[in-house]
Amino acid sequence: MKAVSLLKKARINPDEAVLFIKYEEAMRNLLEAKEEYCPNLEIKNMTKKNLLTLLNSYADCVSKYHPENYHQERGVFLENFKMLKKYGLTDEDYNCLDFY
């Protein structure tokens, strides 16, 4: 059975989104976590390419981690830690961000 057929049979609109997060909301969440866990990170100095890398990583982390205690946002920073060291993160920040 095709996915569309299955959804329509259950009267579920197949065109509806499962996840939809605007860049603005994602960035707002990342900025909140930054203030809490790594205030020295200079996001305002990041290139467009690196900002998009963070935002795309956020999309992945939303499905990997629960939202409590900024785990999704901290996951983004951890997954991109090497890149973010250019923008002010330190090895000490890694320990603050790590939630394992």
PDB file of N, CA and C in Angstrom:
ATOM      1  N   MET A   1       0.847  -1.176   0.000  1.00  0.00           N
ATOM      2  CA  MET A   1       0.000   0.000   0.000  1.00  0.00           C
ATOM      3  C   MET A   1       0.895   1.242   0.000  1.00  0.00           C
ATOM      4  N   LYS A   2       0.549   2.216  -0.796  1.00  0.00           N
ATOM      5  CA  LYS A   2       1.313   3.456  -0.854  1.00  0.00           C
ATOM      6  C   LYS A   2       0.990   4.343   0.344  1.00  0.00           C
ATOM      7  N   ALA A   3       1.956   5.171   0.697  1.00  0.00           N
ATOM      8  CA  ALA A   3       1.802   6.052   1.855  1.00  0.00           C
ATOM      9  C   ALA A   3       0.593   6.967   1.705  1.00  0.00           C
ATOM     10  N   VAL A   4       0.427   7.555   0.531  1.00  0.00           N
ATOM     11  CA  VAL A   4      -0.690   8.478   0.303  1.00  0.00           C
ATOM     12  C   VAL A   4      -2.017   7.752   0.477  1.00  0.00           C
ATOM     13  N   SER A   5      -2.112   6.562  -0.060  1.00  0.00           N
ATOM     14  CA  SER A   5      -3.351   5.784   0.060  1.00  0.00           C
ATOM     15  C   SER A   5      -3.653   5.467   1.515  1.00  0.00           C
ATOM     16  N   LEU A   6      -2.634   5.075   2.242  1.00  0.00           N
ATOM     17  CA  LEU A   6      -2.812   4.744   3.652  1.00  0.00           C
ATOM     18  C   LEU A   6      -3.298   5.954   4.442  1.00  0.00           C
ATOM     19  N   LEU A   7      -2.679   7.107   4.209  1.00  0.00           N
ATOM     20  CA  LEU A   7      -3.079   8.321   4.919  1.00  0.00           C
ATOM     21  C   LEU A   7      -4.492   8.753   4.551  1.00  0.00           C
ATOM     22  N   LYS A   8      -4.803   8.701   3.268  1.00  0.00           N
ATOM     23  CA  LYS A   8      -6.148   9.102   2.837  1.00  0.00           C
ATOM     24  C   LYS A   8      -7.204   8.160   3.390  1.00  0.00           C
ATOM     25  N   LYS A   9      -6.892   6.875   3.451  1.00  0.00           N
ATOM     26  CA  LYS A   9      -7.831   5.905   4.013  1.00  0.00           C
ATOM     27  C   LYS A   9      -8.148   6.255   5.469  1.00  0.00           C
ATOM     28  N   ALA A  10      -7.144   6.742   6.180  1.00  0.00           N
ATOM     29  CA  ALA A  10      -7.328   7.124   7.578  1.00  0.00           C
ATOM     30  C   ALA A  10      -7.827   8.563   7.726  1.00  0.00           C
ATOM     31  N   ARG A  11      -8.127   9.197   6.590  1.00  0.00           N
ATOM     32  CA  ARG A  11      -8.595  10.586   6.549  1.00  0.00           C
ATOM     33  C   ARG A  11      -7.572  11.563   7.137  1.00  0.00           C
ATOM     34  N   ILE A  12      -6.313  11.326   6.787  1.00  0.00           N
ATOM     35  CA  ILE A  12      -5.223  12.215   7.180  1.00  0.00           C
ATOM     36  C   ILE A  12      -4.725  12.903   5.924  1.00  0.00           C
ATOM     37  N   ASN A  13      -4.650  14.211   5.956  1.00  0.00           N
ATOM     38  CA  ASN A  13      -4.188  14.978   4.807  1.00  0.00           C
ATOM     39  C   ASN A  13      -2.700  14.707   4.585  1.00  0.00           C
ATOM     40  N   PRO A  14      -2.330  14.092   3.479  1.00  0.00           N
ATOM     41  CA  PRO A  14      -0.925  13.758   3.238  1.00  0.00           C
ATOM     42  C   PRO A  14      -0.037  14.978   3.001  1.00  0.00           C
ATOM     43  N   ASP A  15      -0.632  16.131   2.765  1.00  0.00           N
ATOM     44  CA  ASP A  15       0.145  17.345   2.520  1.00  0.00           C
ATOM     45  C   ASP A  15       0.506  18.100   3.799  1.00  0.00           C
ATOM     46  N   GLU A  16      -0.013  17.660   4.931  1.00  0.00           N
ATOM     47  CA  GLU A  16       0.309  18.310   6.202  1.00  0.00           C
ATOM     48  C   GLU A  16       1.737  17.969   6.613  1.00  0.00           C
ATOM     49  N   ALA A  17       2.388  18.898   7.296  1.00  0.00           N
ATOM     50  CA  ALA A  17       3.772  18.699   7.737  1.00  0.00           C
ATOM     51  C   ALA A  17       3.822  17.980   9.081  1.00  0.00           C
ATOM     52  N   VAL A  18       4.842  17.181   9.267  1.00  0.00           N
ATOM     53  CA  VAL A  18       5.093  16.559  10.560  1.00  0.00           C
ATOM     54  C   VAL A  18       5.853  17.547  11.443  1.00  0.00           C
ATOM     55  N   LEU A  19       6.884  18.138  10.895  1.00  0.00           N
ATOM     56  CA  LEU A  19       7.672  19.145  11.600  1.00  0.00           C
ATOM     57  C   LEU A  19       7.743  20.402  10.747  1.00  0.00           C
ATOM     58  N   PHE A  20       7.617  21.544  11.387  1.00  0.00           N
ATOM     59  CA  PHE A  20       7.775  22.800  10.666  1.00  0.00           C
ATOM     60  C   PHE A  20       8.306  23.826  11.653  1.00  0.00           C
ATOM     61  N   ILE A  21       9.552  24.170  11.488  1.00  0.00           N
ATOM     62  CA  ILE A  21      10.185  25.161  12.351  1.00  0.00           C
ATOM     63  C   ILE A  21      10.805  26.217  11.451  1.00  0.00           C
ATOM     64  N   LYS A  22      10.411  27.458  11.650  1.00  0.00           N
ATOM     65  CA  LYS A  22      10.991  28.546  10.862  1.00  0.00           C
ATOM     66  C   LYS A  22      12.404  28.835  11.358  1.00  0.00           C
ATOM     67  N   TYR A  23      13.229  29.349  10.460  1.00  0.00           N
ATOM     68  CA  TYR A  23      14.591  29.724  10.834  1.00  0.00           C
ATOM     69  C   TYR A  23      14.586  30.662  12.038  1.00  0.00           C
ATOM     70  N   GLU A  24      13.636  31.596  12.068  1.00  0.00           N
ATOM     71  CA  GLU A  24      13.583  32.561  13.166  1.00  0.00           C
ATOM     72  C   GLU A  24      13.396  31.862  14.509  1.00  0.00           C
ATOM     73  N   GLU A  25      12.473  30.906  14.567  1.00  0.00           N
ATOM     74  CA  GLU A  25      12.233  30.180  15.816  1.00  0.00           C
ATOM     75  C   GLU A  25      13.459  29.362  16.215  1.00  0.00           C
ATOM     76  N   ALA A  26      14.062  28.702  15.246  1.00  0.00           N
ATOM     77  CA  ALA A  26      15.257  27.907  15.531  1.00  0.00           C
ATOM     78  C   ALA A  26      16.379  28.797  16.057  1.00  0.00           C
ATOM     79  N   MET A  27      16.595  29.930  15.416  1.00  0.00           N
ATOM     80  CA  MET A  27      17.667  30.828  15.847  1.00  0.00           C
ATOM     81  C   MET A  27      17.370  31.406  17.223  1.00  0.00           C
ATOM     82  N   ARG A  28      16.122  31.738  17.485  1.00  0.00           N
ATOM     83  CA  ARG A  28      15.746  32.248  18.811  1.00  0.00           C
ATOM     84  C   ARG A  28      16.080  31.197  19.884  1.00  0.00           C
ATOM     85  N   ASN A  29      15.759  29.941  19.618  1.00  0.00           N
ATOM     86  CA  ASN A  29      16.050  28.866  20.565  1.00  0.00           C
ATOM     87  C   ASN A  29      17.556  28.681  20.752  1.00  0.00           C
ATOM     88  N   LEU A  30      18.302  28.764  19.653  1.00  0.00           N
ATOM     89  CA  LEU A  30      19.758  28.640  19.745  1.00  0.00           C
ATOM     90  C   LEU A  30      20.360  29.797  20.546  1.00  0.00           C
ATOM     91  N   LEU A  31      19.842  31.002  20.346  1.00  0.00           N
ATOM     92  CA  LEU A  31      20.352  32.162  21.085  1.00  0.00           C
ATOM     93  C   LEU A  31      20.063  32.047  22.583  1.00  0.00           C
ATOM     94  N   GLU A  32      18.892  31.525  22.938  1.00  0.00           N
ATOM     95  CA  GLU A  32      18.568  31.321  24.355  1.00  0.00           C
ATOM     96  C   GLU A  32      19.536  30.325  24.987  1.00  0.00           C
ATOM     97  N   ALA A  33      19.786  29.231  24.293  1.00  0.00           N
ATOM     98  CA  ALA A  33      20.712  28.217  24.814  1.00  0.00           C
ATOM     99  C   ALA A  33      22.132  28.764  24.885  1.00  0.00           C
ATOM    100  N   LYS A  34      22.499  29.563  23.919  1.00  0.00           N
ATOM    101  CA  LYS A  34      23.831  30.186  23.907  1.00  0.00           C
ATOM    102  C   LYS A  34      24.029  31.026  25.165  1.00  0.00           C
ATOM    103  N   GLU A  35      23.037  31.844  25.496  1.00  0.00           N
ATOM    104  CA  GLU A  35      23.136  32.695  26.684  1.00  0.00           C
ATOM    105  C   GLU A  35      23.273  31.864  27.955  1.00  0.00           C
ATOM    106  N   GLU A  36      22.595  30.738  27.993  1.00  0.00           N
ATOM    107  CA  GLU A  36      22.606  29.878  29.181  1.00  0.00           C
ATOM    108  C   GLU A  36      23.902  29.069  29.307  1.00  0.00           C
ATOM    109  N   TYR A  37      24.394  28.538  28.196  1.00  0.00           N
ATOM    110  CA  TYR A  37      25.485  27.566  28.258  1.00  0.00           C
ATOM    111  C   TYR A  37      26.821  28.027  27.680  1.00  0.00           C
ATOM    112  N   CYS A  38      26.812  28.940  26.755  1.00  0.00           N
ATOM    113  CA  CYS A  38      28.081  29.376  26.143  1.00  0.00           C
ATOM    114  C   CYS A  38      27.973  30.833  25.697  1.00  0.00           C
ATOM    115  N   PRO A  39      27.900  31.756  26.673  1.00  0.00           N
ATOM    116  CA  PRO A  39      27.692  33.170  26.345  1.00  0.00           C
ATOM    117  C   PRO A  39      28.818  33.811  25.533  1.00  0.00           C
ATOM    118  N   ASN A  40      29.985  33.192  25.497  1.00  0.00           N
ATOM    119  CA  ASN A  40      31.097  33.760  24.729  1.00  0.00           C
ATOM    120  C   ASN A  40      31.022  33.438  23.243  1.00  0.00           C
ATOM    121  N   LEU A  41      30.097  32.600  22.845  1.00  0.00           N
ATOM    122  CA  LEU A  41      29.945  32.255  21.429  1.00  0.00           C
ATOM    123  C   LEU A  41      29.451  33.481  20.662  1.00  0.00           C
ATOM    124  N   GLU A  42      30.166  33.862  19.630  1.00  0.00           N
ATOM    125  CA  GLU A  42      29.857  35.053  18.832  1.00  0.00           C
ATOM    126  C   GLU A  42      29.066  34.676  17.577  1.00  0.00           C
ATOM    127  N   ILE A  43      27.797  34.362  17.742  1.00  0.00           N
ATOM    128  CA  ILE A  43      26.958  33.976  16.607  1.00  0.00           C
ATOM    129  C   ILE A  43      26.810  35.127  15.619  1.00  0.00           C
ATOM    130  N   LYS A  44      26.796  36.348  16.112  1.00  0.00           N
ATOM    131  CA  LYS A  44      26.596  37.501  15.218  1.00  0.00           C
ATOM    132  C   LYS A  44      27.717  37.640  14.195  1.00  0.00           C
ATOM    133  N   ASN A  45      28.873  37.037  14.437  1.00  0.00           N
ATOM    134  CA  ASN A  45      30.000  37.114  13.510  1.00  0.00           C
ATOM    135  C   ASN A  45      30.060  35.943  12.530  1.00  0.00           C
ATOM    136  N   MET A  46      29.093  35.042  12.595  1.00  0.00           N
ATOM    137  CA  MET A  46      29.138  33.841  11.763  1.00  0.00           C
ATOM    138  C   MET A  46      28.782  34.144  10.312  1.00  0.00           C
ATOM    139  N   THR A  47      29.368  33.370   9.423  1.00  0.00           N
ATOM    140  CA  THR A  47      29.055  33.497   8.000  1.00  0.00           C
ATOM    141  C   THR A  47      27.688  32.883   7.718  1.00  0.00           C
ATOM    142  N   LYS A  48      27.125  33.239   6.590  1.00  0.00           N
ATOM    143  CA  LYS A  48      25.841  32.666   6.179  1.00  0.00           C
ATOM    144  C   LYS A  48      25.946  31.150   6.099  1.00  0.00           C
ATOM    145  N   LYS A  49      27.032  30.662   5.524  1.00  0.00           N
ATOM    146  CA  LYS A  49      27.228  29.214   5.387  1.00  0.00           C
ATOM    147  C   LYS A  49      27.222  28.528   6.750  1.00  0.00           C
ATOM    148  N   ASN A  50      27.924  29.094   7.715  1.00  0.00           N
ATOM    149  CA  ASN A  50      27.979  28.489   9.041  1.00  0.00           C
ATOM    150  C   ASN A  50      26.652  28.610   9.789  1.00  0.00           C
ATOM    151  N   LEU A  51      25.948  29.710   9.594  1.00  0.00           N
ATOM    152  CA  LEU A  51      24.610  29.834  10.192  1.00  0.00           C
ATOM    153  C   LEU A  51      23.672  28.772   9.632  1.00  0.00           C
ATOM    154  N   LEU A  52      23.720  28.561   8.323  1.00  0.00           N
ATOM    155  CA  LEU A  52      22.871  27.532   7.716  1.00  0.00           C
ATOM    156  C   LEU A  52      23.264  26.140   8.197  1.00  0.00           C
ATOM    157  N   THR A  53      24.545  25.932   8.430  1.00  0.00           N
ATOM    158  CA  THR A  53      24.990  24.653   8.990  1.00  0.00           C
ATOM    159  C   THR A  53      24.353  24.431  10.353  1.00  0.00           C
ATOM    160  N   LEU A  54      24.346  25.464  11.193  1.00  0.00           N
ATOM    161  CA  LEU A  54      23.709  25.352  12.511  1.00  0.00           C
ATOM    162  C   LEU A  54      22.219  25.071  12.386  1.00  0.00           C
ATOM    163  N   LEU A  55      21.555  25.801  11.510  1.00  0.00           N
ATOM    164  CA  LEU A  55      20.108  25.633  11.359  1.00  0.00           C
ATOM    165  C   LEU A  55      19.756  24.249  10.828  1.00  0.00           C
ATOM    166  N   ASN A  56      20.521  23.740   9.890  1.00  0.00           N
ATOM    167  CA  ASN A  56      20.267  22.393   9.379  1.00  0.00           C
ATOM    168  C   ASN A  56      20.560  21.344  10.440  1.00  0.00           C
ATOM    169  N   SER A  57      21.559  21.583  11.244  1.00  0.00           N
ATOM    170  CA  SER A  57      21.866  20.685  12.344  1.00  0.00           C
ATOM    171  C   SER A  57      20.738  20.705  13.378  1.00  0.00           C
ATOM    172  N   TYR A  58      20.138  21.871  13.570  1.00  0.00           N
ATOM    173  CA  TYR A  58      19.009  21.994  14.499  1.00  0.00           C
ATOM    174  C   TYR A  58      17.862  21.086  14.059  1.00  0.00           C
ATOM    175  N   ALA A  59      17.613  21.055  12.775  1.00  0.00           N
ATOM    176  CA  ALA A  59      16.548  20.188  12.253  1.00  0.00           C
ATOM    177  C   ALA A  59      16.808  18.735  12.624  1.00  0.00           C
ATOM    178  N   ASP A  60      18.049  18.302  12.532  1.00  0.00           N
ATOM    179  CA  ASP A  60      18.393  16.929  12.908  1.00  0.00           C
ATOM    180  C   ASP A  60      18.251  16.708  14.407  1.00  0.00           C
ATOM    181  N   CYS A  61      18.698  17.662  15.191  1.00  0.00           N
ATOM    182  CA  CYS A  61      18.689  17.507  16.646  1.00  0.00           C
ATOM    183  C   CYS A  61      17.284  17.526  17.233  1.00  0.00           C
ATOM    184  N   VAL A  62      16.358  18.176  16.575  1.00  0.00           N
ATOM    185  CA  VAL A  62      14.971  18.179  17.053  1.00  0.00           C
ATOM    186  C   VAL A  62      14.415  16.758  17.062  1.00  0.00           C
ATOM    187  N   SER A  63      14.814  15.961  16.091  1.00  0.00           N
ATOM    188  CA  SER A  63      14.317  14.586  16.041  1.00  0.00           C
ATOM    189  C   SER A  63      15.144  13.635  16.908  1.00  0.00           C
ATOM    190  N   LYS A  64      16.348  14.032  17.302  1.00  0.00           N
ATOM    191  CA  LYS A  64      17.217  13.156  18.103  1.00  0.00           C
ATOM    192  C   LYS A  64      17.040  13.333  19.608  1.00  0.00           C
ATOM    193  N   TYR A  65      16.790  14.556  20.047  1.00  0.00           N
ATOM    194  CA  TYR A  65      16.838  14.870  21.472  1.00  0.00           C
ATOM    195  C   TYR A  65      15.527  15.470  21.965  1.00  0.00           C
ATOM    196  N   HIS A  66      15.254  15.273  23.254  1.00  0.00           N
ATOM    197  CA  HIS A  66      14.075  15.889  23.862  1.00  0.00           C
ATOM    198  C   HIS A  66      14.371  17.370  24.119  1.00  0.00           C
ATOM    199  N   PRO A  67      13.324  18.180  24.279  1.00  0.00           N
ATOM    200  CA  PRO A  67      13.531  19.627  24.384  1.00  0.00           C
ATOM    201  C   PRO A  67      13.925  20.136  25.777  1.00  0.00           C
ATOM    202  N   GLU A  68      13.840  19.317  26.799  1.00  0.00           N
ATOM    203  CA  GLU A  68      14.149  19.817  28.134  1.00  0.00           C
ATOM    204  C   GLU A  68      15.614  20.208  28.256  1.00  0.00           C
ATOM    205  N   ASN A  69      15.846  21.238  29.053  1.00  0.00           N
ATOM    206  CA  ASN A  69      17.202  21.715  29.354  1.00  0.00           C
ATOM    207  C   ASN A  69      18.022  22.012  28.102  1.00  0.00           C
ATOM    208  N   TYR A  70      17.348  22.458  27.072  1.00  0.00           N
ATOM    209  CA  TYR A  70      18.024  22.845  25.823  1.00  0.00           C
ATOM    210  C   TYR A  70      18.833  21.704  25.201  1.00  0.00           C
ATOM    211  N   HIS A  71      18.405  20.467  25.371  1.00  0.00           N
ATOM    212  CA  HIS A  71      19.161  19.352  24.794  1.00  0.00           C
ATOM    213  C   HIS A  71      19.246  19.443  23.276  1.00  0.00           C
ATOM    214  N   GLN A  72      18.202  19.887  22.621  1.00  0.00           N
ATOM    215  CA  GLN A  72      18.231  20.007  21.158  1.00  0.00           C
ATOM    216  C   GLN A  72      19.259  21.050  20.728  1.00  0.00           C
ATOM    217  N   GLU A  73      19.230  22.194  21.369  1.00  0.00           N
ATOM    218  CA  GLU A  73      20.141  23.277  21.023  1.00  0.00           C
ATOM    219  C   GLU A  73      21.580  22.931  21.412  1.00  0.00           C
ATOM    220  N   ARG A  74      21.745  22.334  22.572  1.00  0.00           N
ATOM    221  CA  ARG A  74      23.082  21.930  22.996  1.00  0.00           C
ATOM    222  C   ARG A  74      23.638  20.873  22.053  1.00  0.00           C
ATOM    223  N   GLY A  75      22.774  20.003  21.552  1.00  0.00           N
ATOM    224  CA  GLY A  75      23.197  19.017  20.565  1.00  0.00           C
ATOM    225  C   GLY A  75      23.742  19.682  19.313  1.00  0.00           C
ATOM    226  N   VAL A  76      23.105  20.761  18.893  1.00  0.00           N
ATOM    227  CA  VAL A  76      23.582  21.517  17.723  1.00  0.00           C
ATOM    228  C   VAL A  76      24.987  22.041  17.987  1.00  0.00           C
ATOM    229  N   PHE A  77      25.186  22.642  19.148  1.00  0.00           N
ATOM    230  CA  PHE A  77      26.500  23.198  19.467  1.00  0.00           C
ATOM    231  C   PHE A  77      27.557  22.101  19.575  1.00  0.00           C
ATOM    232  N   LEU A  78      27.187  20.964  20.161  1.00  0.00           N
ATOM    233  CA  LEU A  78      28.144  19.862  20.280  1.00  0.00           C
ATOM    234  C   LEU A  78      28.491  19.273  18.918  1.00  0.00           C
ATOM    235  N   GLU A  79      27.490  19.096  18.066  1.00  0.00           N
ATOM    236  CA  GLU A  79      27.734  18.515  16.744  1.00  0.00           C
ATOM    237  C   GLU A  79      28.585  19.429  15.865  1.00  0.00           C
ATOM    238  N   ASN A  80      28.577  20.702  16.150  1.00  0.00           N
ATOM    239  CA  ASN A  80      29.318  21.677  15.343  1.00  0.00           C
ATOM    240  C   ASN A  80      30.428  22.349  16.145  1.00  0.00           C
ATOM    241  N   PHE A  81      30.883  21.674  17.188  1.00  0.00           N
ATOM    242  CA  PHE A  81      31.823  22.280  18.124  1.00  0.00           C
ATOM    243  C   PHE A  81      33.110  22.744  17.452  1.00  0.00           C
ATOM    244  N   LYS A  82      33.658  21.919  16.587  1.00  0.00           N
ATOM    245  CA  LYS A  82      34.921  22.283  15.922  1.00  0.00           C
ATOM    246  C   LYS A  82      34.766  23.599  15.155  1.00  0.00           C
ATOM    247  N   MET A  83      33.677  23.726  14.409  1.00  0.00           N
ATOM    248  CA  MET A  83      33.420  24.958  13.661  1.00  0.00           C
ATOM    249  C   MET A  83      33.220  26.133  14.622  1.00  0.00           C
ATOM    250  N   LEU A  84      32.498  25.903  15.708  1.00  0.00           N
ATOM    251  CA  LEU A  84      32.149  26.981  16.629  1.00  0.00           C
ATOM    252  C   LEU A  84      33.337  27.474  17.453  1.00  0.00           C
ATOM    253  N   LYS A  85      34.404  26.705  17.505  1.00  0.00           N
ATOM    254  CA  LYS A  85      35.610  27.175  18.199  1.00  0.00           C
ATOM    255  C   LYS A  85      36.162  28.428  17.520  1.00  0.00           C
ATOM    256  N   LYS A  86      35.902  28.576  16.225  1.00  0.00           N
ATOM    257  CA  LYS A  86      36.330  29.790  15.509  1.00  0.00           C
ATOM    258  C   LYS A  86      35.565  31.013  15.987  1.00  0.00           C
ATOM    259  N   TYR A  87      34.434  30.777  16.639  1.00  0.00           N
ATOM    260  CA  TYR A  87      33.570  31.876  17.065  1.00  0.00           C
ATOM    261  C   TYR A  87      33.520  32.016  18.589  1.00  0.00           C
ATOM    262  N   GLY A  88      34.518  31.481  19.277  1.00  0.00           N
ATOM    263  CA  GLY A  88      34.636  31.750  20.703  1.00  0.00           C
ATOM    264  C   GLY A  88      34.410  30.595  21.657  1.00  0.00           C
ATOM    265  N   LEU A  89      33.974  29.422  21.187  1.00  0.00           N
ATOM    266  CA  LEU A  89      33.801  28.307  22.112  1.00  0.00           C
ATOM    267  C   LEU A  89      35.160  27.773  22.544  1.00  0.00           C
ATOM    268  N   THR A  90      35.201  27.289  23.786  1.00  0.00           N
ATOM    269  CA  THR A  90      36.429  26.718  24.338  1.00  0.00           C
ATOM    270  C   THR A  90      36.173  25.275  24.746  1.00  0.00           C
ATOM    271  N   ASP A  91      37.233  24.570  25.064  1.00  0.00           N
ATOM    272  CA  ASP A  91      37.081  23.191  25.531  1.00  0.00           C
ATOM    273  C   ASP A  91      36.253  23.140  26.814  1.00  0.00           C
ATOM    274  N   GLU A  92      36.353  24.163  27.628  1.00  0.00           N
ATOM    275  CA  GLU A  92      35.543  24.242  28.850  1.00  0.00           C
ATOM    276  C   GLU A  92      34.051  24.328  28.500  1.00  0.00           C
ATOM    277  N   ASP A  93      33.729  25.039  27.431  1.00  0.00           N
ATOM    278  CA  ASP A  93      32.336  25.130  26.989  1.00  0.00           C
ATOM    279  C   ASP A  93      31.796  23.756  26.613  1.00  0.00           C
ATOM    280  N   TYR A  94      32.648  22.912  26.042  1.00  0.00           N
ATOM    281  CA  TYR A  94      32.206  21.568  25.656  1.00  0.00           C
ATOM    282  C   TYR A  94      31.656  20.834  26.872  1.00  0.00           C
ATOM    283  N   ASN A  95      32.372  20.926  27.998  1.00  0.00           N
ATOM    284  CA  ASN A  95      31.927  20.256  29.219  1.00  0.00           C
ATOM    285  C   ASN A  95      30.605  20.820  29.721  1.00  0.00           C
ATOM    286  N   CYS A  96      30.390  22.113  29.563  1.00  0.00           N
ATOM    287  CA  CYS A  96      29.124  22.733  29.974  1.00  0.00           C
ATOM    288  C   CYS A  96      27.975  22.287  29.076  1.00  0.00           C
ATOM    289  N   LEU A  97      28.266  22.122  27.795  1.00  0.00           N
ATOM    290  CA  LEU A  97      27.232  21.748  26.833  1.00  0.00           C
ATOM    291  C   LEU A  97      26.877  20.270  26.893  1.00  0.00           C
ATOM    292  N   ASP A  98      27.851  19.438  27.225  1.00  0.00           N
ATOM    293  CA  ASP A  98      27.660  17.989  27.182  1.00  0.00           C
ATOM    294  C   ASP A  98      26.609  17.563  28.199  1.00  0.00           C
ATOM    295  N   PHE A  99      25.685  16.709  27.781  1.00  0.00           N
ATOM    296  CA  PHE A  99      24.616  16.266  28.675  1.00  0.00           C
ATOM    297  C   PHE A  99      24.593  14.760  28.840  1.00  0.00           C
ATOM    298  N   TYR A 100      25.650  14.100  28.491  1.00  0.00           N
ATOM    299  CA  TYR A 100      25.706  12.635  28.646  1.00  0.00           C
ATOM    300  C   TYR A 100      26.251  12.237  29.987  1.00  0.00           C
TER     301      TYR A 100
END
